[in-house]
Structure formats: structure tokens, C-alpha cells
Amino acid sequence: MTKDGEWIEVDYTPSSYVVMAGDACMGRIESPTHRVMMTGDKDRFSLGLFAFVRDHIIQIPQELVDENHPLQFQAFDNYKYIQFIDTANSN
């Protein structure tokens, strides 16, 4: 979905891979609003791949922050964020 709320239709080839950034990457990379519409009876496979840093802290690399791209988010503990989301979804 675009920032204006319009859906973009994309026709991928059968061997395509789509990689989307998650919420932890927000900043200059945005987590996209997306949906999948299937037709026919073909199989579709989806895989969630999650990466965690050793000290649990997610932060923007300093080389991505400059005068034109100021820091928008403070560093945060990724495990605490996942626990918060899990708790919010279980209610």
C-alpha cells in the first residue's frame, strides 16, 4: 500500500522472492502494509525470518544518520518489544 492508501498490484514470477522490512527496521526503511490475493488452486509458501542481535538492542547504524537524515527513533530492546506485541495480541 502506498502512503496515500492506494494498493499497488504486482505480478511476480513464480520463482520470485519478496523481502520486506519489519517494524524493528523503521526509519529510512519502512515496514510495508501488504496483502496477498491468491487465485486458482496453486500452493503459496510464506516464511517469516527473524533476526536478533546478541545484546537485544536495535539501533540505527551511525553511518545512516546525517544532517539530511536525522535520527528518528531511539535504540530499543527488541525482546521487550516482541513481548509487548505478544501481550497486546493475546488480549
PDB file of N, CA and C in Angstrom:
ATOM      1  N   MET A   1       0.844  -1.167   0.000  1.00  0.00           N
ATOM      2  CA  MET A   1       0.000   0.000   0.000  1.00  0.00           C
ATOM      3  C   MET A   1       0.897   1.239   0.000  1.00  0.00           C
ATOM      4  N   THR A   2       0.536   2.198  -0.810  1.00  0.00           N
ATOM      5  CA  THR A   2       1.307   3.442  -0.845  1.00  0.00           C
ATOM      6  C   THR A   2       0.990   4.291   0.381  1.00  0.00           C
ATOM      7  N   LYS A   3       1.751   5.344   0.592  1.00  0.00           N
ATOM      8  CA  LYS A   3       1.496   6.245   1.709  1.00  0.00           C
ATOM      9  C   LYS A   3       0.159   6.954   1.559  1.00  0.00           C
ATOM     10  N   ASP A   4      -0.364   7.016   0.309  1.00  0.00           N
ATOM     11  CA  ASP A   4      -1.665   7.629   0.045  1.00  0.00           C
ATOM     12  C   ASP A   4      -2.822   6.654   0.228  1.00  0.00           C
ATOM     13  N   GLY A   5      -2.542   5.412   0.624  1.00  0.00           N
ATOM     14  CA  GLY A   5      -3.577   4.425   0.861  1.00  0.00           C
ATOM     15  C   GLY A   5      -4.021   3.656  -0.369  1.00  0.00           C
ATOM     16  N   GLU A   6      -3.284   3.774  -1.453  1.00  0.00           N
ATOM     17  CA  GLU A   6      -3.621   3.063  -2.683  1.00  0.00           C
ATOM     18  C   GLU A   6      -2.859   1.741  -2.741  1.00  0.00           C
ATOM     19  N   TRP A   7      -3.547   0.675  -3.168  1.00  0.00           N
ATOM     20  CA  TRP A   7      -2.900  -0.615  -3.324  1.00  0.00           C
ATOM     21  C   TRP A   7      -2.213  -0.683  -4.674  1.00  0.00           C
ATOM     22  N   ILE A   8      -1.024  -1.250  -4.698  1.00  0.00           N
ATOM     23  CA  ILE A   8      -0.273  -1.455  -5.932  1.00  0.00           C
ATOM     24  C   ILE A   8      -0.329  -2.941  -6.253  1.00  0.00           C
ATOM     25  N   GLU A   9      -0.767  -3.271  -7.455  1.00  0.00           N
ATOM     26  CA  GLU A   9      -0.795  -4.674  -7.866  1.00  0.00           C
ATOM     27  C   GLU A   9       0.547  -5.027  -8.498  1.00  0.00           C
ATOM     28  N   VAL A  10       1.143  -6.073  -8.013  1.00  0.00           N
ATOM     29  CA  VAL A  10       2.441  -6.519  -8.517  1.00  0.00           C
ATOM     30  C   VAL A  10       2.300  -7.952  -9.004  1.00  0.00           C
ATOM     31  N   ASP A  11       2.760  -8.225 -10.201  1.00  0.00           N
ATOM     32  CA  ASP A  11       2.668  -9.563 -10.771  1.00  0.00           C
ATOM     33  C   ASP A  11       4.066 -10.176 -10.779  1.00  0.00           C
ATOM     34  N   TYR A  12       4.344 -11.010  -9.770  1.00  0.00           N
ATOM     35  CA  TYR A  12       5.658 -11.628  -9.639  1.00  0.00           C
ATOM     36  C   TYR A  12       5.737 -12.910 -10.464  1.00  0.00           C
ATOM     37  N   THR A  13       6.938 -13.278 -10.846  1.00  0.00           N
ATOM     38  CA  THR A  13       7.137 -14.563 -11.497  1.00  0.00           C
ATOM     39  C   THR A  13       7.052 -15.661 -10.441  1.00  0.00           C
ATOM     40  N   PRO A  14       6.751 -16.899 -10.830  1.00  0.00           N
ATOM     41  CA  PRO A  14       6.599 -17.986  -9.843  1.00  0.00           C
ATOM     42  C   PRO A  14       7.828 -18.237  -8.982  1.00  0.00           C
ATOM     43  N   SER A  15       9.004 -17.875  -9.438  1.00  0.00           N
ATOM     44  CA  SER A  15      10.210 -18.129  -8.651  1.00  0.00           C
ATOM     45  C   SER A  15      10.678 -16.892  -7.872  1.00  0.00           C
ATOM     46  N   SER A  16       9.816 -15.894  -7.736  1.00  0.00           N
ATOM     47  CA  SER A  16      10.190 -14.653  -7.058  1.00  0.00           C
ATOM     48  C   SER A  16      10.282 -14.823  -5.551  1.00  0.00           C
ATOM     49  N   TYR A  17      11.120 -14.003  -4.946  1.00  0.00           N
ATOM     50  CA  TYR A  17      11.217 -13.870  -3.501  1.00  0.00           C
ATOM     51  C   TYR A  17      10.934 -12.416  -3.165  1.00  0.00           C
ATOM     52  N   VAL A  18      10.150 -12.181  -2.145  1.00  0.00           N
ATOM     53  CA  VAL A  18       9.847 -10.830  -1.696  1.00  0.00           C
ATOM     54  C   VAL A  18      10.417 -10.689  -0.291  1.00  0.00           C
ATOM     55  N   VAL A  19      11.174  -9.638  -0.063  1.00  0.00           N
ATOM     56  CA  VAL A  19      11.756  -9.379   1.251  1.00  0.00           C
ATOM     57  C   VAL A  19      11.203  -8.044   1.737  1.00  0.00           C
ATOM     58  N   MET A  20      10.613  -8.051   2.929  1.00  0.00           N
ATOM     59  CA  MET A  20      10.053  -6.826   3.492  1.00  0.00           C
ATOM     60  C   MET A  20      10.676  -6.551   4.851  1.00  0.00           C
ATOM     61  N   ALA A  21      10.930  -5.296   5.113  1.00  0.00           N
ATOM     62  CA  ALA A  21      11.479  -4.898   6.408  1.00  0.00           C
ATOM     63  C   ALA A  21      10.396  -4.966   7.472  1.00  0.00           C
ATOM     64  N   GLY A  22      10.777  -5.361   8.669  1.00  0.00           N
ATOM     65  CA  GLY A  22       9.832  -5.405   9.787  1.00  0.00           C
ATOM     66  C   GLY A  22       9.861  -4.119  10.586  1.00  0.00           C
ATOM     67  N   ASP A  23       9.040  -4.049  11.608  1.00  0.00           N
ATOM     68  CA  ASP A  23       8.924  -2.841  12.427  1.00  0.00           C
ATOM     69  C   ASP A  23      10.248  -2.415  13.046  1.00  0.00           C
ATOM     70  N   ALA A  24      11.104  -3.363  13.363  1.00  0.00           N
ATOM     71  CA  ALA A  24      12.377  -3.018  14.000  1.00  0.00           C
ATOM     72  C   ALA A  24      13.288  -2.247  13.072  1.00  0.00           C
ATOM     73  N   CYS A  25      13.024  -2.268  11.773  1.00  0.00           N
ATOM     74  CA  CYS A  25      13.864  -1.561  10.793  1.00  0.00           C
ATOM     75  C   CYS A  25      13.316  -0.194  10.441  1.00  0.00           C
ATOM     76  N   MET A  26      12.268   0.251  11.103  1.00  0.00           N
ATOM     77  CA  MET A  26      11.648   1.518  10.724  1.00  0.00           C
ATOM     78  C   MET A  26      12.619   2.673  10.890  1.00  0.00           C
ATOM     79  N   GLY A  27      12.491   3.629  10.024  1.00  0.00           N
ATOM     80  CA  GLY A  27      13.364   4.785   9.951  1.00  0.00           C
ATOM     81  C   GLY A  27      13.430   5.150   8.488  1.00  0.00           C
ATOM     82  N   ARG A  28      14.597   5.017   7.877  1.00  0.00           N
ATOM     83  CA  ARG A  28      14.708   5.245   6.435  1.00  0.00           C
ATOM     84  C   ARG A  28      14.122   4.075   5.657  1.00  0.00           C
ATOM     85  N   ILE A  29      13.944   2.940   6.295  1.00  0.00           N
ATOM     86  CA  ILE A  29      13.282   1.777   5.703  1.00  0.00           C
ATOM     87  C   ILE A  29      11.974   1.609   6.456  1.00  0.00           C
ATOM     88  N   GLU A  30      10.861   1.507   5.732  1.00  0.00           N
ATOM     89  CA  GLU A  30       9.565   1.395   6.389  1.00  0.00           C
ATOM     90  C   GLU A  30       8.988  -0.008   6.267  1.00  0.00           C
ATOM     91  N   SER A  31       8.316  -0.438   7.297  1.00  0.00           N
ATOM     92  CA  SER A  31       7.621  -1.714   7.300  1.00  0.00           C
ATOM     93  C   SER A  31       6.351  -1.541   6.463  1.00  0.00           C
ATOM     94  N   PRO A  32       6.194  -2.311   5.373  1.00  0.00           N
ATOM     95  CA  PRO A  32       5.075  -2.057   4.460  1.00  0.00           C
ATOM     96  C   PRO A  32       3.753  -2.676   4.921  1.00  0.00           C
ATOM     97  N   THR A  33       2.665  -1.994   4.596  1.00  0.00           N
ATOM     98  CA  THR A  33       1.346  -2.594   4.720  1.00  0.00           C
ATOM     99  C   THR A  33       1.153  -3.407   3.458  1.00  0.00           C
ATOM    100  N   HIS A  34       0.813  -4.678   3.603  1.00  0.00           N
ATOM    101  CA  HIS A  34       0.742  -5.547   2.430  1.00  0.00           C
ATOM    102  C   HIS A  34      -0.356  -6.591   2.602  1.00  0.00           C
ATOM    103  N   ARG A  35      -0.754  -7.176   1.490  1.00  0.00           N
ATOM    104  CA  ARG A  35      -1.711  -8.271   1.492  1.00  0.00           C
ATOM    105  C   ARG A  35      -1.432  -9.144   0.281  1.00  0.00           C
ATOM    106  N   VAL A  36      -1.881 -10.379   0.349  1.00  0.00           N
ATOM    107  CA  VAL A  36      -1.693 -11.321  -0.755  1.00  0.00           C
ATOM    108  C   VAL A  36      -3.066 -11.779  -1.207  1.00  0.00           C
ATOM    109  N   MET A  37      -3.317 -11.686  -2.490  1.00  0.00           N
ATOM    110  CA  MET A  37      -4.579 -12.142  -3.069  1.00  0.00           C
ATOM    111  C   MET A  37      -4.247 -13.305  -3.994  1.00  0.00           C
ATOM    112  N   MET A  38      -4.777 -14.467  -3.693  1.00  0.00           N
ATOM    113  CA  MET A  38      -4.496 -15.668  -4.476  1.00  0.00           C
ATOM    114  C   MET A  38      -5.690 -16.019  -5.356  1.00  0.00           C
ATOM    115  N   THR A  39      -5.393 -16.525  -6.549  1.00  0.00           N
ATOM    116  CA  THR A  39      -6.428 -17.054  -7.418  1.00  0.00           C
ATOM    117  C   THR A  39      -6.034 -18.469  -7.807  1.00  0.00           C
ATOM    118  N   GLY A  40      -7.010 -19.285  -8.136  1.00  0.00           N
ATOM    119  CA  GLY A  40      -6.704 -20.651  -8.524  1.00  0.00           C
ATOM    120  C   GLY A  40      -6.407 -21.520  -7.328  1.00  0.00           C
ATOM    121  N   ASP A  41      -5.791 -22.671  -7.604  1.00  0.00           N
ATOM    122  CA  ASP A  41      -5.520 -23.631  -6.537  1.00  0.00           C
ATOM    123  C   ASP A  41      -4.037 -23.935  -6.395  1.00  0.00           C
ATOM    124  N   LYS A  42      -3.196 -22.971  -6.728  1.00  0.00           N
ATOM    125  CA  LYS A  42      -1.750 -23.165  -6.606  1.00  0.00           C
ATOM    126  C   LYS A  42      -1.313 -22.961  -5.164  1.00  0.00           C
ATOM    127  N   ASP A  43      -0.278 -23.686  -4.774  1.00  0.00           N
ATOM    128  CA  ASP A  43       0.277 -23.533  -3.432  1.00  0.00           C
ATOM    129  C   ASP A  43       1.066 -22.236  -3.332  1.00  0.00           C
ATOM    130  N   ARG A  44       1.021 -21.627  -2.159  1.00  0.00           N
ATOM    131  CA  ARG A  44       1.817 -20.441  -1.856  1.00  0.00           C
ATOM    132  C   ARG A  44       2.516 -20.721  -0.542  1.00  0.00           C
ATOM    133  N   PHE A  45       3.792 -20.418  -0.479  1.00  0.00           N
ATOM    134  CA  PHE A  45       4.569 -20.628   0.735  1.00  0.00           C
ATOM    135  C   PHE A  45       5.011 -19.280   1.274  1.00  0.00           C
ATOM    136  N   SER A  46       4.913 -19.121   2.563  1.00  0.00           N
ATOM    137  CA  SER A  46       5.321 -17.889   3.215  1.00  0.00           C
ATOM    138  C   SER A  46       6.222 -18.256   4.379  1.00  0.00           C
ATOM    139  N   LEU A  47       7.296 -17.522   4.557  1.00  0.00           N
ATOM    140  CA  LEU A  47       8.266 -17.809   5.611  1.00  0.00           C
ATOM    141  C   LEU A  47       8.602 -16.520   6.331  1.00  0.00           C
ATOM    142  N   GLY A  48       8.454 -16.526   7.619  1.00  0.00           N
ATOM    143  CA  GLY A  48       8.889 -15.391   8.428  1.00  0.00           C
ATOM    144  C   GLY A  48      10.307 -15.638   8.899  1.00  0.00           C
ATOM    145  N   LEU A  49      11.187 -14.736   8.604  1.00  0.00           N
ATOM    146  CA  LEU A  49      12.583 -14.861   9.022  1.00  0.00           C
ATOM    147  C   LEU A  49      12.882 -13.719   9.981  1.00  0.00           C
ATOM    148  N   PHE A  50      13.284 -14.060  11.170  1.00  0.00           N
ATOM    149  CA  PHE A  50      13.519 -13.060  12.184  1.00  0.00           C
ATOM    150  C   PHE A  50      14.978 -13.108  12.611  1.00  0.00           C
ATOM    151  N   ALA A  51      15.560 -11.948  12.768  1.00  0.00           N
ATOM    152  CA  ALA A  51      16.948 -11.860  13.196  1.00  0.00           C
ATOM    153  C   ALA A  51      16.998 -11.117  14.531  1.00  0.00           C
ATOM    154  N   PHE A  52      17.850 -11.572  15.408  1.00  0.00           N
ATOM    155  CA  PHE A  52      18.000 -10.941  16.705  1.00  0.00           C
ATOM    156  C   PHE A  52      19.471 -10.653  16.941  1.00  0.00           C
ATOM    157  N   VAL A  53      19.735  -9.529  17.506  1.00  0.00           N
ATOM    158  CA  VAL A  53      21.108  -9.176  17.829  1.00  0.00           C
ATOM    159  C   VAL A  53      21.445  -9.709  19.211  1.00  0.00           C
ATOM    160  N   ARG A  54      22.693  -9.935  19.434  1.00  0.00           N
ATOM    161  CA  ARG A  54      23.137 -10.584  20.666  1.00  0.00           C
ATOM    162  C   ARG A  54      22.754  -9.797  21.923  1.00  0.00           C
ATOM    163  N   ASP A  55      22.902  -8.496  21.903  1.00  0.00           N
ATOM    164  CA  ASP A  55      22.603  -7.727  23.125  1.00  0.00           C
ATOM    165  C   ASP A  55      21.159  -7.231  23.169  1.00  0.00           C
ATOM    166  N   HIS A  56      20.318  -7.657  22.198  1.00  0.00           N
ATOM    167  CA  HIS A  56      18.893  -7.350  22.137  1.00  0.00           C
ATOM    168  C   HIS A  56      18.582  -5.915  21.741  1.00  0.00           C
ATOM    169  N   ILE A  57      19.566  -5.072  21.577  1.00  0.00           N
ATOM    170  CA  ILE A  57      19.328  -3.658  21.306  1.00  0.00           C
ATOM    171  C   ILE A  57      19.353  -3.404  19.799  1.00  0.00           C
ATOM    172  N   ILE A  58      18.270  -2.800  19.294  1.00  0.00           N
ATOM    173  CA  ILE A  58      18.178  -2.414  17.891  1.00  0.00           C
ATOM    174  C   ILE A  58      18.446  -0.918  17.825  1.00  0.00           C
ATOM    175  N   GLN A  59      19.361  -0.544  16.961  1.00  0.00           N
ATOM    176  CA  GLN A  59      19.656   0.879  16.790  1.00  0.00           C
ATOM    177  C   GLN A  59      20.087   1.150  15.355  1.00  0.00           C
ATOM    178  N   ILE A  60      19.882   2.369  14.930  1.00  0.00           N
ATOM    179  CA  ILE A  60      20.244   2.776  13.577  1.00  0.00           C
ATOM    180  C   ILE A  60      21.768   2.894  13.495  1.00  0.00           C
ATOM    181  N   PRO A  61      22.385   2.295  12.468  1.00  0.00           N
ATOM    182  CA  PRO A  61      23.833   2.467  12.309  1.00  0.00           C
ATOM    183  C   PRO A  61      24.184   3.948  12.141  1.00  0.00           C
ATOM    184  N   GLN A  62      25.188   4.402  12.823  1.00  0.00           N
ATOM    185  CA  GLN A  62      25.559   5.818  12.833  1.00  0.00           C
ATOM    186  C   GLN A  62      25.823   6.350  11.425  1.00  0.00           C
ATOM    187  N   GLU A  63      26.330   5.505  10.520  1.00  0.00           N
ATOM    188  CA  GLU A  63      26.621   5.979   9.167  1.00  0.00           C
ATOM    189  C   GLU A  63      25.362   6.292   8.352  1.00  0.00           C
ATOM    190  N   LEU A  64      24.167   5.893   8.843  1.00  0.00           N
ATOM    191  CA  LEU A  64      22.914   6.235   8.160  1.00  0.00           C
ATOM    192  C   LEU A  64      22.298   7.530   8.678  1.00  0.00           C
ATOM    193  N   VAL A  65      22.878   8.085   9.727  1.00  0.00           N
ATOM    194  CA  VAL A  65      22.358   9.316  10.320  1.00  0.00           C
ATOM    195  C   VAL A  65      23.250  10.471   9.891  1.00  0.00           C
ATOM    196  N   ASP A  66      22.629  11.504   9.307  1.00  0.00           N
ATOM    197  CA  ASP A  66      23.370  12.700   8.935  1.00  0.00           C
ATOM    198  C   ASP A  66      22.429  13.896   8.970  1.00  0.00           C
ATOM    199  N   GLU A  67      22.887  15.028   8.490  1.00  0.00           N
ATOM    200  CA  GLU A  67      22.098  16.261   8.511  1.00  0.00           C
ATOM    201  C   GLU A  67      20.783  16.111   7.732  1.00  0.00           C
ATOM    202  N   ASN A  68      20.818  15.382   6.624  1.00  0.00           N
ATOM    203  CA  ASN A  68      19.619  15.193   5.797  1.00  0.00           C
ATOM    204  C   ASN A  68      18.739  14.042   6.282  1.00  0.00           C
ATOM    205  N   HIS A  69      19.289  13.173   7.103  1.00  0.00           N
ATOM    206  CA  HIS A  69      18.564  12.012   7.629  1.00  0.00           C
ATOM    207  C   HIS A  69      18.802  11.918   9.136  1.00  0.00           C
ATOM    208  N   PRO A  70      18.144  12.789   9.914  1.00  0.00           N
ATOM    209  CA  PRO A  70      18.365  12.782  11.365  1.00  0.00           C
ATOM    210  C   PRO A  70      17.789  11.521  12.016  1.00  0.00           C
ATOM    211  N   LEU A  71      18.305  11.204  13.175  1.00  0.00           N
ATOM    212  CA  LEU A  71      17.826  10.067  13.952  1.00  0.00           C
ATOM    213  C   LEU A  71      16.362  10.292  14.313  1.00  0.00           C
ATOM    214  N   GLN A  72      15.508   9.333  13.987  1.00  0.00           N
ATOM    215  CA  GLN A  72      14.079   9.460  14.266  1.00  0.00           C
ATOM    216  C   GLN A  72      13.630   8.592  15.432  1.00  0.00           C
ATOM    217  N   PHE A  73      14.389   7.537  15.739  1.00  0.00           N
ATOM    218  CA  PHE A  73      13.994   6.611  16.798  1.00  0.00           C
ATOM    219  C   PHE A  73      15.196   6.312  17.679  1.00  0.00           C
ATOM    220  N   GLN A  74      14.934   6.243  18.967  1.00  0.00           N
ATOM    221  CA  GLN A  74      15.981   5.868  19.903  1.00  0.00           C
ATOM    222  C   GLN A  74      16.190   4.355  19.846  1.00  0.00           C
ATOM    223  N   ALA A  75      17.341   3.898  20.275  1.00  0.00           N
ATOM    224  CA  ALA A  75      17.613   2.468  20.363  1.00  0.00           C
ATOM    225  C   ALA A  75      16.593   1.831  21.305  1.00  0.00           C
ATOM    226  N   PHE A  76      16.246   0.561  21.041  1.00  0.00           N
ATOM    227  CA  PHE A  76      15.290  -0.120  21.907  1.00  0.00           C
ATOM    228  C   PHE A  76      15.648  -1.588  22.037  1.00  0.00           C
ATOM    229  N   ASP A  77      15.113  -2.203  23.082  1.00  0.00           N
ATOM    230  CA  ASP A  77      15.336  -3.616  23.364  1.00  0.00           C
ATOM    231  C   ASP A  77      14.334  -4.435  22.554  1.00  0.00           C
ATOM    232  N   ASN A  78      14.805  -5.170  21.563  1.00  0.00           N
ATOM    233  CA  ASN A  78      13.945  -5.915  20.656  1.00  0.00           C
ATOM    234  C   ASN A  78      13.134  -6.994  21.374  1.00  0.00           C
ATOM    235  N   TYR A  79      13.715  -7.677  22.336  1.00  0.00           N
ATOM    236  CA  TYR A  79      12.985  -8.716  23.064  1.00  0.00           C
ATOM    237  C   TYR A  79      11.807  -8.117  23.836  1.00  0.00           C
ATOM    238  N   LYS A  80      12.017  -6.966  24.470  1.00  0.00           N
ATOM    239  CA  LYS A  80      10.929  -6.318  25.203  1.00  0.00           C
ATOM    240  C   LYS A  80       9.826  -5.886  24.229  1.00  0.00           C
ATOM    241  N   TYR A  81      10.191  -5.434  23.039  1.00  0.00           N
ATOM    242  CA  TYR A  81       9.202  -5.050  22.031  1.00  0.00           C
ATOM    243  C   TYR A  81       8.370  -6.266  21.607  1.00  0.00           C
ATOM    244  N   ILE A  82       9.017  -7.399  21.370  1.00  0.00           N
ATOM    245  CA  ILE A  82       8.302  -8.617  20.973  1.00  0.00           C
ATOM    246  C   ILE A  82       7.363  -9.064  22.093  1.00  0.00           C
ATOM    247  N   GLN A  83       7.815  -8.998  23.342  1.00  0.00           N
ATOM    248  CA  GLN A  83       6.954  -9.357  24.468  1.00  0.00           C
ATOM    249  C   GLN A  83       5.748  -8.423  24.545  1.00  0.00           C
ATOM    250  N   PHE A  84       5.958  -7.141  24.288  1.00  0.00           N
ATOM    251  CA  PHE A  84       4.859  -6.172  24.300  1.00  0.00           C
ATOM    252  C   PHE A  84       3.838  -6.500  23.218  1.00  0.00           C
ATOM    253  N   ILE A  85       4.301  -6.769  21.997  1.00  0.00           N
ATOM    254  CA  ILE A  85       3.403  -7.104  20.893  1.00  0.00           C
ATOM    255  C   ILE A  85       2.658  -8.389  21.184  1.00  0.00           C
ATOM    256  N   ASP A  86       3.354  -9.389  21.716  1.00  0.00           N
ATOM    257  CA  ASP A  86       2.724 -10.670  22.038  1.00  0.00           C
ATOM    258  C   ASP A  86       1.647 -10.482  23.113  1.00  0.00           C
ATOM    259  N   THR A  87       1.926  -9.685  24.111  1.00  0.00           N
ATOM    260  CA  THR A  87       0.949  -9.423  25.173  1.00  0.00           C
ATOM    261  C   THR A  87      -0.257  -8.672  24.619  1.00  0.00           C
ATOM    262  N   ALA A  88      -0.019  -7.679  23.759  1.00  0.00           N
ATOM    263  CA  ALA A  88      -1.116  -6.894  23.183  1.00  0.00           C
ATOM    264  C   ALA A  88      -2.002  -7.768  22.296  1.00  0.00           C
ATOM    265  N   ASN A  89      -1.415  -8.722  21.593  1.00  0.00           N
ATOM    266  CA  ASN A  89      -2.197  -9.598  20.685  1.00  0.00           C
ATOM    267  C   ASN A  89      -2.927 -10.703  21.423  1.00  0.00           C
ATOM    268  N   SER A  90      -2.522 -11.019  22.645  1.00  0.00           N
ATOM    269  CA  SER A  90      -3.157 -12.120  23.376  1.00  0.00           C
ATOM    270  C   SER A  90      -4.390 -11.676  24.150  1.00  0.00           C
ATOM    271  N   ASN A  91      -4.646 -10.392  24.192  1.00  0.00           N
ATOM    272  CA  ASN A  91      -5.836  -9.886  24.932  1.00  0.00           C
ATOM    273  C   ASN A  91      -7.059  -9.892  24.072  1.00  0.00           C
TER     274      ASN A  91
END
